[in-house]
Amino acid sequence: MGTHAYSVAGRCLMEEAAARMRLAPARAWRAESDAAAIVARYLACHPRLAWVRYPGLPADPAFREASTSLVSGFGPHIAFALEDGSLHWLRVASSDAFALIEAIEAALAKSP
């Protein structure tokens, strides 16, 4: 299940990012992408996560395609799985990257 969920998450993130990129104003898209990149980089280094999918991470399998096809950022959506296998999706707004990181850290600290 983990590998399949990982690949489906990547495909869905790329499709969603491409669709939203066409509809969102460039400035808002860029701000959301920048905030999501901060959160994704934080999550990628977190020891309690099994994997993180964000097309803007160089380690992501979709990075090469995303870096040539997505303009002005990689979008606001992140997928990840905890060590226990539970899947999570985030949509990061342009103004809440650090607050979201604090909330994630608090939630992970409370979980067993």
C-alpha atoms as a PDB file:
ATOM      1  CA  MET A   1       0.000   0.000   0.000  1.00  0.00           C
ATOM      2  CA  GLY A   2       2.792   2.434   0.794  1.00  0.00           C
ATOM      3  CA  THR A   3       4.405   2.418  -2.641  1.00  0.00           C
ATOM      4  CA  HIS A   4       1.073   2.654  -4.463  1.00  0.00           C
ATOM      5  CA  ALA A   5      -0.120   5.503  -2.236  1.00  0.00           C
ATOM      6  CA  TYR A   6       3.212   7.255  -2.775  1.00  0.00           C
ATOM      7  CA  SER A   7       2.938   7.107  -6.580  1.00  0.00           C
ATOM      8  CA  VAL A   8      -0.767   8.040  -6.625  1.00  0.00           C
ATOM      9  CA  ALA A   9      -0.040  10.998  -4.355  1.00  0.00           C
ATOM     10  CA  GLY A  10       2.640  12.262  -6.721  1.00  0.00           C
ATOM     11  CA  ARG A  11       0.429  11.961  -9.796  1.00  0.00           C
ATOM     12  CA  CYS A  12      -2.464  13.714  -8.049  1.00  0.00           C
ATOM     13  CA  LEU A  13      -0.220  16.538  -6.826  1.00  0.00           C
ATOM     14  CA  MET A  14       1.108  17.162 -10.340  1.00  0.00           C
ATOM     15  CA  GLU A  15      -2.397  17.202 -11.871  1.00  0.00           C
ATOM     16  CA  GLU A  16      -3.756  19.481  -9.161  1.00  0.00           C
ATOM     17  CA  ALA A  17      -0.803  21.841  -9.439  1.00  0.00           C
ATOM     18  CA  ALA A  18      -1.146  22.106 -13.224  1.00  0.00           C
ATOM     19  CA  ALA A  19      -4.886  22.806 -12.989  1.00  0.00           C
ATOM     20  CA  ARG A  20      -4.548  25.394 -10.225  1.00  0.00           C
ATOM     21  CA  MET A  21      -1.615  27.083 -11.931  1.00  0.00           C
ATOM     22  CA  ARG A  22      -3.840  27.879 -14.919  1.00  0.00           C
ATOM     23  CA  LEU A  23      -6.569  29.385 -12.707  1.00  0.00           C
ATOM     24  CA  ALA A  24      -4.731  31.162  -9.891  1.00  0.00           C
ATOM     25  CA  PRO A  25      -3.286  34.646 -10.237  1.00  0.00           C
ATOM     26  CA  ALA A  26       0.500  34.395 -10.587  1.00  0.00           C
ATOM     27  CA  ARG A  27       1.296  36.294  -7.394  1.00  0.00           C
ATOM     28  CA  ALA A  28      -1.035  34.175  -5.230  1.00  0.00           C
ATOM     29  CA  TRP A  29       0.243  30.955  -6.842  1.00  0.00           C
ATOM     30  CA  ARG A  30       3.837  31.946  -6.131  1.00  0.00           C
ATOM     31  CA  ALA A  31       3.114  32.868  -2.498  1.00  0.00           C
ATOM     32  CA  GLU A  32       1.294  29.577  -1.857  1.00  0.00           C
ATOM     33  CA  SER A  33       4.075  27.621  -3.575  1.00  0.00           C
ATOM     34  CA  ASP A  34       6.750  29.319  -1.495  1.00  0.00           C
ATOM     35  CA  ALA A  35       4.878  28.583   1.751  1.00  0.00           C
ATOM     36  CA  ALA A  36       4.286  24.956   0.730  1.00  0.00           C
ATOM     37  CA  ALA A  37       7.964  24.541  -0.116  1.00  0.00           C
ATOM     38  CA  ILE A  38       8.902  25.632   3.416  1.00  0.00           C
ATOM     39  CA  VAL A  39       6.487  23.139   4.963  1.00  0.00           C
ATOM     40  CA  ALA A  40       7.519  20.327   2.576  1.00  0.00           C
ATOM     41  CA  ARG A  41      11.212  20.806   3.361  1.00  0.00           C
ATOM     42  CA  TYR A  42      10.444  20.701   7.061  1.00  0.00           C
ATOM     43  CA  LEU A  43       8.365  17.535   6.694  1.00  0.00           C
ATOM     44  CA  ALA A  44      10.998  15.860   4.511  1.00  0.00           C
ATOM     45  CA  CYS A  45      13.455  16.085   7.404  1.00  0.00           C
ATOM     46  CA  HIS A  46      11.035  14.935  10.092  1.00  0.00           C
ATOM     47  CA  PRO A  47      12.010  11.559  11.618  1.00  0.00           C
ATOM     48  CA  ARG A  48       8.384  10.491  12.289  1.00  0.00           C
ATOM     49  CA  LEU A  49       7.350  10.592   8.630  1.00  0.00           C
ATOM     50  CA  ALA A  50       7.675   7.663   6.240  1.00  0.00           C
ATOM     51  CA  TRP A  51       7.592   9.799   3.092  1.00  0.00           C
ATOM     52  CA  VAL A  52       6.697  13.231   1.725  1.00  0.00           C
ATOM     53  CA  ARG A  53       5.477  14.014  -1.795  1.00  0.00           C
ATOM     54  CA  TYR A  54       5.865  17.565  -3.060  1.00  0.00           C
ATOM     55  CA  PRO A  55       6.908  18.202  -6.653  1.00  0.00           C
ATOM     56  CA  GLY A  56       9.253  20.985  -5.530  1.00  0.00           C
ATOM     57  CA  LEU A  57      11.490  18.679  -3.482  1.00  0.00           C
ATOM     58  CA  PRO A  58      14.556  17.616  -5.496  1.00  0.00           C
ATOM     59  CA  ALA A  59      14.224  14.078  -4.068  1.00  0.00           C
ATOM     60  CA  ASP A  60      10.618  13.771  -5.315  1.00  0.00           C
ATOM     61  CA  PRO A  61      10.228  11.501  -8.371  1.00  0.00           C
ATOM     62  CA  ALA A  62       8.106  14.172 -10.096  1.00  0.00           C
ATOM     63  CA  PHE A  63      10.674  16.936  -9.585  1.00  0.00           C
ATOM     64  CA  ARG A  64      12.248  16.770 -13.055  1.00  0.00           C
ATOM     65  CA  GLU A  65       8.890  16.913 -14.837  1.00  0.00           C
ATOM     66  CA  ALA A  66       7.493  19.521 -12.441  1.00  0.00           C
ATOM     67  CA  SER A  67      10.508  21.792 -12.756  1.00  0.00           C
ATOM     68  CA  THR A  68      10.072  21.957 -16.532  1.00  0.00           C
ATOM     69  CA  SER A  69       6.267  22.133 -16.708  1.00  0.00           C
ATOM     70  CA  LEU A  70       5.076  24.128 -13.686  1.00  0.00           C
ATOM     71  CA  VAL A  71       5.614  27.877 -13.893  1.00  0.00           C
ATOM     72  CA  SER A  72       6.094  30.175 -10.882  1.00  0.00           C
ATOM     73  CA  GLY A  73       6.231  27.435  -8.263  1.00  0.00           C
ATOM     74  CA  PHE A  74       5.143  23.901  -7.485  1.00  0.00           C
ATOM     75  CA  GLY A  75       1.785  24.557  -5.860  1.00  0.00           C
ATOM     76  CA  PRO A  76       0.279  24.524  -2.371  1.00  0.00           C
ATOM     77  CA  HIS A  77      -0.400  20.783  -1.923  1.00  0.00           C
ATOM     78  CA  ILE A  78       1.707  18.296   0.034  1.00  0.00           C
ATOM     79  CA  ALA A  79       1.085  14.603   0.679  1.00  0.00           C
ATOM     80  CA  PHE A  80       2.825  12.618   3.406  1.00  0.00           C
ATOM     81  CA  ALA A  81       2.580   9.451   5.460  1.00  0.00           C
ATOM     82  CA  LEU A  82       3.378   8.979   9.121  1.00  0.00           C
ATOM     83  CA  GLU A  83       5.460   6.044  10.349  1.00  0.00           C
ATOM     84  CA  ASP A  84       2.230   4.181  11.127  1.00  0.00           C
ATOM     85  CA  GLY A  85       1.196   4.384   7.453  1.00  0.00           C
ATOM     86  CA  SER A  86      -1.581   6.964   7.844  1.00  0.00           C
ATOM     87  CA  LEU A  87      -1.821   9.243   4.811  1.00  0.00           C
ATOM     88  CA  HIS A  88      -2.264  13.012   5.021  1.00  0.00           C
ATOM     89  CA  TRP A  89      -2.774  15.864   2.548  1.00  0.00           C
ATOM     90  CA  LEU A  90      -2.134  19.527   3.203  1.00  0.00           C
ATOM     91  CA  ARG A  91      -3.049  22.656   1.332  1.00  0.00           C
ATOM     92  CA  VAL A  92      -0.789  25.425   2.503  1.00  0.00           C
ATOM     93  CA  ALA A  93      -2.006  29.021   2.332  1.00  0.00           C
ATOM     94  CA  SER A  94       0.484  31.755   1.616  1.00  0.00           C
ATOM     95  CA  SER A  95       0.425  33.164   5.124  1.00  0.00           C
ATOM     96  CA  ASP A  96       0.454  30.119   7.372  1.00  0.00           C
ATOM     97  CA  ALA A  97       3.631  28.120   6.726  1.00  0.00           C
ATOM     98  CA  PHE A  98       5.235  28.570  10.125  1.00  0.00           C
ATOM     99  CA  ALA A  99       1.952  28.300  12.039  1.00  0.00           C
ATOM    100  CA  LEU A 100       1.237  25.090  10.146  1.00  0.00           C
ATOM    101  CA  ILE A 101       4.677  23.687  11.013  1.00  0.00           C
ATOM    102  CA  GLU A 102       4.057  24.457  14.694  1.00  0.00           C
ATOM    103  CA  ALA A 103       0.638  22.764  14.549  1.00  0.00           C
ATOM    104  CA  ILE A 104       2.090  19.673  12.838  1.00  0.00           C
ATOM    105  CA  GLU A 105       4.878  19.447  15.403  1.00  0.00           C
ATOM    106  CA  ALA A 106       2.384  19.758  18.271  1.00  0.00           C
ATOM    107  CA  ALA A 107       0.169  17.050  16.765  1.00  0.00           C
ATOM    108  CA  LEU A 108       3.122  14.717  16.242  1.00  0.00           C
ATOM    109  CA  ALA A 109       4.335  15.313  19.804  1.00  0.00           C
ATOM    110  CA  LYS A 110       0.931  14.247  21.162  1.00  0.00           C
ATOM    111  CA  SER A 111       0.651  11.093  19.056  1.00  0.00           C
ATOM    112  CA  PRO A 112       2.181   7.857  20.360  1.00  0.00           C
END
